[in-house]
Amino acid sequence: MADIVVMRAVSSDNQAHADVVRKILDDNGVFGMNLLSSPGSGKTTLLEKTIRDNPDLKFGVIEGDVFTARDASRIEAAGAPSIQLNTEGACHLTANMIEMVLPKFELKTLDFLVVENIGNLICPAAYSLGVHKRVVLLSTPEGHDKILKYPQAFNTADMILITKTDVADAVGFDMKVVVEDLKAVNPKVEPWLMSSVTGEGYDRWYDWLRSNKK
């Protein structure tokens, strides 16, 4: 059964807490990631498939949601320890929240600590969590116009995954628009195409994870 922790967002001294989180991860040889996206883009599905396909890699997952432990339960069913962080109203996680729950993990046994942030492209983009990489997901059903609408989420991303590519044609998703908008917002990042249905992009994703294993 997933461990549920309820916390309130405290924004003051966020960077100081982020620095503590980074040091704890580094001291334990754990690579940290922050997953950002709109609701329903496929963050939990990405993690489930990644955990199941790579049993030799050890993941710990912090699930951020306003309510429920449904995502944490899915992660545990996939085979990884998970802590559910419920904010009961706040639209983002803070570094202080991450710092507070890190002791619940046996960090020395983990290769990766993944924070699945609360689903939206606005509030979470403004807060560093002290992890090593920020990964932003954009699903094709959301539309190809989101880069310029929510620039902070994308210009702070270390990696951008375009998910649900198997339905891109059906929903009229124009990849050319995404590429052009990214040139204006974050030209250093190349979007990766991903589909949990066809498996597109997953081998590349797994290779990237292995290259960052400490």
C-alpha atoms as a PDB file:
ATOM      1  CA  MET A   1       0.000   0.000   0.000  1.00  0.00           C
ATOM      2  CA  ALA A   2       1.363   3.398  -1.000  1.00  0.00           C
ATOM      3  CA  ASP A   3       2.668   5.699   1.725  1.00  0.00           C
ATOM      4  CA  ILE A   4       0.700   8.966   1.547  1.00  0.00           C
ATOM      5  CA  VAL A   5       2.217  12.199   2.857  1.00  0.00           C
ATOM      6  CA  VAL A   6       0.169  15.404   2.954  1.00  0.00           C
ATOM      7  CA  MET A   7       2.135  18.659   2.743  1.00  0.00           C
ATOM      8  CA  ARG A   8       1.548  22.361   2.257  1.00  0.00           C
ATOM      9  CA  ALA A   9       3.622  24.346  -0.209  1.00  0.00           C
ATOM     10  CA  VAL A  10       6.184  26.654   1.392  1.00  0.00           C
ATOM     11  CA  SER A  11       7.987  28.710  -1.247  1.00  0.00           C
ATOM     12  CA  SER A  12      10.496  30.576   0.913  1.00  0.00           C
ATOM     13  CA  ASP A  13      14.104  29.393   0.715  1.00  0.00           C
ATOM     14  CA  ASN A  14      13.198  26.898  -1.991  1.00  0.00           C
ATOM     15  CA  GLN A  15      16.667  27.034  -3.525  1.00  0.00           C
ATOM     16  CA  ALA A  16      18.316  26.338  -0.177  1.00  0.00           C
ATOM     17  CA  HIS A  17      16.231  23.182   0.163  1.00  0.00           C
ATOM     18  CA  ALA A  18      16.981  22.289  -3.466  1.00  0.00           C
ATOM     19  CA  ASP A  19      20.704  22.480  -2.700  1.00  0.00           C
ATOM     20  CA  VAL A  20      20.218  20.082   0.221  1.00  0.00           C
ATOM     21  CA  VAL A  21      18.287  17.655  -1.978  1.00  0.00           C
ATOM     22  CA  ARG A  22      21.043  17.697  -4.610  1.00  0.00           C
ATOM     23  CA  LYS A  23      23.720  17.007  -2.012  1.00  0.00           C
ATOM     24  CA  ILE A  24      21.757  14.089  -0.542  1.00  0.00           C
ATOM     25  CA  LEU A  25      21.275  12.558  -3.996  1.00  0.00           C
ATOM     26  CA  ASP A  26      24.932  13.046  -4.921  1.00  0.00           C
ATOM     27  CA  ASP A  27      26.158  11.634  -1.612  1.00  0.00           C
ATOM     28  CA  ASN A  28      24.088   8.495  -2.217  1.00  0.00           C
ATOM     29  CA  GLY A  29      24.955   8.111  -5.904  1.00  0.00           C
ATOM     30  CA  VAL A  30      21.380   8.660  -7.060  1.00  0.00           C
ATOM     31  CA  PHE A  31      20.418  10.420 -10.300  1.00  0.00           C
ATOM     32  CA  GLY A  32      17.329  12.617  -9.822  1.00  0.00           C
ATOM     33  CA  MET A  33      14.704  13.614 -12.395  1.00  0.00           C
ATOM     34  CA  ASN A  34      11.702  15.928 -12.272  1.00  0.00           C
ATOM     35  CA  LEU A  35       8.895  14.989 -14.705  1.00  0.00           C
ATOM     36  CA  LEU A  36       6.608  17.861 -15.719  1.00  0.00           C
ATOM     37  CA  SER A  37       3.562  17.855 -17.976  1.00  0.00           C
ATOM     38  CA  SER A  38      -0.128  18.507 -18.284  1.00  0.00           C
ATOM     39  CA  PRO A  39      -2.478  15.907 -16.772  1.00  0.00           C
ATOM     40  CA  GLY A  40      -2.845  12.795 -18.894  1.00  0.00           C
ATOM     41  CA  SER A  41       0.324  13.224 -20.952  1.00  0.00           C
ATOM     42  CA  GLY A  42       1.644   9.817 -19.916  1.00  0.00           C
ATOM     43  CA  LYS A  43       4.117  10.452 -17.086  1.00  0.00           C
ATOM     44  CA  THR A  44       2.962   7.499 -14.997  1.00  0.00           C
ATOM     45  CA  THR A  45       2.729   5.227 -18.037  1.00  0.00           C
ATOM     46  CA  LEU A  46       6.289   6.194 -18.997  1.00  0.00           C
ATOM     47  CA  LEU A  47       7.503   5.257 -15.529  1.00  0.00           C
ATOM     48  CA  GLU A  48       5.540   1.993 -15.365  1.00  0.00           C
ATOM     49  CA  LYS A  49       6.951   0.770 -18.670  1.00  0.00           C
ATOM     50  CA  THR A  50      10.468   1.956 -17.813  1.00  0.00           C
ATOM     51  CA  ILE A  51      10.468   0.160 -14.454  1.00  0.00           C
ATOM     52  CA  ARG A  52       9.085  -3.078 -15.894  1.00  0.00           C
ATOM     53  CA  ASP A  53      11.418  -3.116 -18.898  1.00  0.00           C
ATOM     54  CA  ASN A  54      14.569  -2.489 -16.847  1.00  0.00           C
ATOM     55  CA  PRO A  55      14.534  -4.712 -13.757  1.00  0.00           C
ATOM     56  CA  ASP A  56      18.273  -4.183 -13.264  1.00  0.00           C
ATOM     57  CA  LEU A  57      17.771  -0.438 -12.758  1.00  0.00           C
ATOM     58  CA  LYS A  58      16.455   0.562  -9.351  1.00  0.00           C
ATOM     59  CA  PHE A  59      13.957   3.411  -9.184  1.00  0.00           C
ATOM     60  CA  GLY A  60      12.333   5.300  -6.358  1.00  0.00           C
ATOM     61  CA  VAL A  61       9.394   7.533  -7.267  1.00  0.00           C
ATOM     62  CA  ILE A  62       7.798  10.516  -5.562  1.00  0.00           C
ATOM     63  CA  GLU A  63       4.290  11.010  -6.895  1.00  0.00           C
ATOM     64  CA  GLY A  64       2.857  14.519  -6.666  1.00  0.00           C
ATOM     65  CA  ASP A  65      -0.902  14.969  -6.773  1.00  0.00           C
ATOM     66  CA  VAL A  66      -3.550  17.120  -5.194  1.00  0.00           C
ATOM     67  CA  PHE A  67      -5.462  14.069  -3.931  1.00  0.00           C
ATOM     68  CA  THR A  68      -5.444  10.212  -4.068  1.00  0.00           C
ATOM     69  CA  ALA A  69      -2.643   7.659  -4.172  1.00  0.00           C
ATOM     70  CA  ARG A  70      -3.620   6.109  -7.490  1.00  0.00           C
ATOM     71  CA  ASP A  71      -0.387   6.897  -9.312  1.00  0.00           C
ATOM     72  CA  ALA A  72       1.793   5.717  -6.432  1.00  0.00           C
ATOM     73  CA  SER A  73      -0.136   2.448  -6.375  1.00  0.00           C
ATOM     74  CA  ARG A  74       0.519   1.990 -10.091  1.00  0.00           C
ATOM     75  CA  ILE A  75       4.246   2.563  -9.579  1.00  0.00           C
ATOM     76  CA  GLU A  76       4.416   0.058  -6.735  1.00  0.00           C
ATOM     77  CA  ALA A  77       2.557  -2.491  -8.863  1.00  0.00           C
ATOM     78  CA  ALA A  78       5.215  -1.965 -11.543  1.00  0.00           C
ATOM     79  CA  GLY A  79       7.896  -2.866  -9.009  1.00  0.00           C
ATOM     80  CA  ALA A  80       9.349   0.331  -7.530  1.00  0.00           C
ATOM     81  CA  PRO A  81       8.983   1.960  -4.105  1.00  0.00           C
ATOM     82  CA  SER A  82       6.854   5.086  -4.206  1.00  0.00           C
ATOM     83  CA  ILE A  83       5.798   7.880  -1.875  1.00  0.00           C
ATOM     84  CA  GLN A  84       2.597   9.793  -2.621  1.00  0.00           C
ATOM     85  CA  LEU A  85       2.850  13.525  -1.908  1.00  0.00           C
ATOM     86  CA  ASN A  86      -0.608  15.105  -1.726  1.00  0.00           C
ATOM     87  CA  THR A  87      -0.850  18.889  -1.552  1.00  0.00           C
ATOM     88  CA  GLU A  88      -4.650  19.090  -1.106  1.00  0.00           C
ATOM     89  CA  GLY A  89      -4.833  22.227  -3.213  1.00  0.00           C
ATOM     90  CA  ALA A  90      -1.349  23.476  -4.107  1.00  0.00           C
ATOM     91  CA  CYS A  91      -0.509  23.152  -7.790  1.00  0.00           C
ATOM     92  CA  HIS A  92       3.192  22.299  -7.448  1.00  0.00           C
ATOM     93  CA  LEU A  93       5.789  20.508  -5.364  1.00  0.00           C
ATOM     94  CA  THR A  94       8.620  22.330  -3.597  1.00  0.00           C
ATOM     95  CA  ALA A  95      12.162  21.290  -2.749  1.00  0.00           C
ATOM     96  CA  ASN A  96      11.267  21.292   0.937  1.00  0.00           C
ATOM     97  CA  MET A  97       8.660  18.587   0.281  1.00  0.00           C
ATOM     98  CA  ILE A  98      11.212  16.455  -1.546  1.00  0.00           C
ATOM     99  CA  GLU A  99      13.787  16.917   1.215  1.00  0.00           C
ATOM    100  CA  MET A 100      11.256  15.868   3.865  1.00  0.00           C
ATOM    101  CA  VAL A 101      10.381  12.532   2.232  1.00  0.00           C
ATOM    102  CA  LEU A 102      13.838  11.468   1.020  1.00  0.00           C
ATOM    103  CA  PRO A 103      14.520   9.590   4.293  1.00  0.00           C
ATOM    104  CA  LYS A 104      11.603   7.290   3.471  1.00  0.00           C
ATOM    105  CA  PHE A 105      13.691   5.766   0.655  1.00  0.00           C
ATOM    106  CA  GLU A 106      16.702   3.486   1.008  1.00  0.00           C
ATOM    107  CA  LEU A 107      18.686   5.784  -1.248  1.00  0.00           C
ATOM    108  CA  LYS A 108      21.843   3.669  -1.261  1.00  0.00           C
ATOM    109  CA  THR A 109      19.870   0.945  -3.054  1.00  0.00           C
ATOM    110  CA  LEU A 110      18.550   3.245  -5.806  1.00  0.00           C
ATOM    111  CA  ASP A 111      19.950   4.288  -9.170  1.00  0.00           C
ATOM    112  CA  PHE A 112      17.247   6.879  -9.887  1.00  0.00           C
ATOM    113  CA  LEU A 113      14.902   9.061  -7.868  1.00  0.00           C
ATOM    114  CA  VAL A 114      12.055  10.350 -10.032  1.00  0.00           C
ATOM    115  CA  VAL A 115       9.656  13.097  -9.028  1.00  0.00           C
ATOM    116  CA  GLU A 116       6.404  12.953 -10.978  1.00  0.00           C
ATOM    117  CA  ASN A 117       5.234  16.507 -10.458  1.00  0.00           C
ATOM    118  CA  ILE A 118       1.633  17.664 -10.243  1.00  0.00           C
ATOM    119  CA  GLY A 119       0.050  17.811 -13.687  1.00  0.00           C
ATOM    120  CA  ASN A 120       0.224  21.316 -15.121  1.00  0.00           C
ATOM    121  CA  LEU A 121       2.682  23.357 -17.158  1.00  0.00           C
ATOM    122  CA  ILE A 122       2.595  26.541 -15.081  1.00  0.00           C
ATOM    123  CA  CYS A 123       3.345  26.332 -11.337  1.00  0.00           C
ATOM    124  CA  PRO A 124       5.824  23.391 -11.299  1.00  0.00           C
ATOM    125  CA  ALA A 125       8.030  25.112 -13.881  1.00  0.00           C
ATOM    126  CA  ALA A 126       8.940  27.858 -11.409  1.00  0.00           C
ATOM    127  CA  TYR A 127      10.422  25.619  -8.702  1.00  0.00           C
ATOM    128  CA  SER A 128      13.760  23.838  -8.655  1.00  0.00           C
ATOM    129  CA  LEU A 129      13.601  20.554  -6.762  1.00  0.00           C
ATOM    130  CA  GLY A 130      17.321  19.888  -6.550  1.00  0.00           C
ATOM    131  CA  VAL A 131      17.308  16.973  -8.980  1.00  0.00           C
ATOM    132  CA  HIS A 132      19.717  16.622 -11.883  1.00  0.00           C
ATOM    133  CA  LYS A 133      17.423  16.834 -14.908  1.00  0.00           C
ATOM    134  CA  ARG A 134      14.027  18.285 -15.724  1.00  0.00           C
ATOM    135  CA  VAL A 135      12.081  16.208 -18.261  1.00  0.00           C
ATOM    136  CA  VAL A 136       8.967  17.744 -19.820  1.00  0.00           C
ATOM    137  CA  LEU A 137       6.325  15.667 -21.601  1.00  0.00           C
ATOM    138  CA  LEU A 138       3.988  16.980 -24.292  1.00  0.00           C
ATOM    139  CA  SER A 139       1.346  14.566 -25.565  1.00  0.00           C
ATOM    140  CA  THR A 140       0.025  14.868 -29.101  1.00  0.00           C
ATOM    141  CA  PRO A 141      -3.660  15.106 -28.022  1.00  0.00           C
ATOM    142  CA  GLU A 142      -2.806  18.329 -26.155  1.00  0.00           C
ATOM    143  CA  GLY A 143      -2.021  20.038 -29.457  1.00  0.00           C
ATOM    144  CA  HIS A 144       1.091  21.463 -31.067  1.00  0.00           C
ATOM    145  CA  ASP A 145       0.598  25.017 -29.769  1.00  0.00           C
ATOM    146  CA  LYS A 146       1.680  24.520 -26.154  1.00  0.00           C
ATOM    147  CA  ILE A 147       5.362  25.491 -26.442  1.00  0.00           C
ATOM    148  CA  LEU A 148       4.709  29.196 -26.856  1.00  0.00           C
ATOM    149  CA  LYS A 149       1.716  29.177 -24.519  1.00  0.00           C
ATOM    150  CA  TYR A 150       3.766  27.787 -21.622  1.00  0.00           C
ATOM    151  CA  PRO A 151       7.340  28.835 -22.447  1.00  0.00           C
ATOM    152  CA  GLN A 152       8.816  28.534 -18.946  1.00  0.00           C
ATOM    153  CA  ALA A 153       8.026  24.829 -18.779  1.00  0.00           C
ATOM    154  CA  PHE A 154       9.854  24.233 -22.028  1.00  0.00           C
ATOM    155  CA  ASN A 155      12.737  26.704 -21.831  1.00  0.00           C
ATOM    156  CA  THR A 156      13.832  25.189 -18.502  1.00  0.00           C
ATOM    157  CA  ALA A 157      13.645  21.607 -19.782  1.00  0.00           C
ATOM    158  CA  ASP A 158      16.722  19.423 -20.146  1.00  0.00           C
ATOM    159  CA  MET A 159      14.704  16.944 -22.200  1.00  0.00           C
ATOM    160  CA  ILE A 160      11.362  17.120 -24.013  1.00  0.00           C
ATOM    161  CA  LEU A 161       9.419  13.954 -24.802  1.00  0.00           C
ATOM    162  CA  ILE A 162       6.583  14.071 -27.338  1.00  0.00           C
ATOM    163  CA  THR A 163       4.282  11.276 -26.163  1.00  0.00           C
ATOM    164  CA  LYS A 164       1.368   9.375 -27.731  1.00  0.00           C
ATOM    165  CA  THR A 165       2.853   9.720 -31.201  1.00  0.00           C
ATOM    166  CA  ASP A 166       0.730   6.757 -32.331  1.00  0.00           C
ATOM    167  CA  VAL A 167      -2.304   9.074 -32.414  1.00  0.00           C
ATOM    168  CA  ALA A 168      -0.536  12.166 -33.789  1.00  0.00           C
ATOM    169  CA  ASP A 169      -2.161  11.964 -37.211  1.00  0.00           C
ATOM    170  CA  ALA A 170      -5.604  11.289 -35.787  1.00  0.00           C
ATOM    171  CA  VAL A 171      -5.508  14.407 -33.595  1.00  0.00           C
ATOM    172  CA  GLY A 172      -3.870  16.639 -36.216  1.00  0.00           C
ATOM    173  CA  PHE A 173      -0.621  17.149 -34.314  1.00  0.00           C
ATOM    174  CA  ASP A 174       1.876  19.170 -36.375  1.00  0.00           C
ATOM    175  CA  MET A 175       5.428  18.300 -35.339  1.00  0.00           C
ATOM    176  CA  LYS A 176       6.850  21.013 -37.572  1.00  0.00           C
ATOM    177  CA  VAL A 177       5.172  23.672 -35.418  1.00  0.00           C
ATOM    178  CA  VAL A 178       6.666  22.139 -32.262  1.00  0.00           C
ATOM    179  CA  VAL A 179      10.157  22.090 -33.761  1.00  0.00           C
ATOM    180  CA  GLU A 180       9.906  25.708 -34.902  1.00  0.00           C
ATOM    181  CA  ASP A 181       8.536  26.904 -31.564  1.00  0.00           C
ATOM    182  CA  LEU A 182      11.265  25.078 -29.674  1.00  0.00           C
ATOM    183  CA  LYS A 183      13.900  26.847 -31.748  1.00  0.00           C
ATOM    184  CA  ALA A 184      12.566  30.084 -30.308  1.00  0.00           C
ATOM    185  CA  VAL A 185      12.116  28.878 -26.725  1.00  0.00           C
ATOM    186  CA  ASN A 186      14.817  26.247 -26.116  1.00  0.00           C
ATOM    187  CA  PRO A 187      16.989  25.646 -29.193  1.00  0.00           C
ATOM    188  CA  LYS A 188      19.435  23.412 -27.301  1.00  0.00           C
ATOM    189  CA  VAL A 189      16.866  20.645 -26.754  1.00  0.00           C
ATOM    190  CA  GLU A 190      15.725  18.235 -29.449  1.00  0.00           C
ATOM    191  CA  PRO A 191      12.255  16.725 -28.870  1.00  0.00           C
ATOM    192  CA  TRP A 192      12.155  12.931 -28.661  1.00  0.00           C
ATOM    193  CA  LEU A 193       9.197  11.038 -30.112  1.00  0.00           C
ATOM    194  CA  MET A 194       7.658   8.464 -27.755  1.00  0.00           C
ATOM    195  CA  SER A 195       4.781   5.978 -27.836  1.00  0.00           C
ATOM    196  CA  SER A 196       3.991   3.443 -25.136  1.00  0.00           C
ATOM    197  CA  VAL A 197       1.766   1.638 -27.677  1.00  0.00           C
ATOM    198  CA  THR A 198       4.294   1.134 -30.488  1.00  0.00           C
ATOM    199  CA  GLY A 199       7.416   1.390 -28.319  1.00  0.00           C
ATOM    200  CA  GLU A 200       8.792   4.265 -30.375  1.00  0.00           C
ATOM    201  CA  GLY A 201      11.591   6.081 -28.590  1.00  0.00           C
ATOM    202  CA  TYR A 202      11.836   3.798 -25.574  1.00  0.00           C
ATOM    203  CA  ASP A 203      15.159   2.180 -26.485  1.00  0.00           C
ATOM    204  CA  ARG A 204      16.670   5.634 -26.836  1.00  0.00           C
ATOM    205  CA  TRP A 205      15.160   6.669 -23.497  1.00  0.00           C
ATOM    206  CA  TYR A 206      16.559   3.580 -21.789  1.00  0.00           C
ATOM    207  CA  ASP A 207      20.010   4.214 -23.272  1.00  0.00           C
ATOM    208  CA  TRP A 208      19.871   7.787 -21.940  1.00  0.00           C
ATOM    209  CA  LEU A 209      18.956   6.562 -18.476  1.00  0.00           C
ATOM    210  CA  ARG A 210      21.825   4.079 -18.452  1.00  0.00           C
ATOM    211  CA  SER A 211      24.249   6.775 -19.575  1.00  0.00           C
ATOM    212  CA  ASN A 212      23.263   8.837 -16.511  1.00  0.00           C
ATOM    213  CA  LYS A 213      23.399   6.035 -13.964  1.00  0.00           C
ATOM    214  CA  LYS A 214      25.917   7.059 -11.312  1.00  0.00           C
END
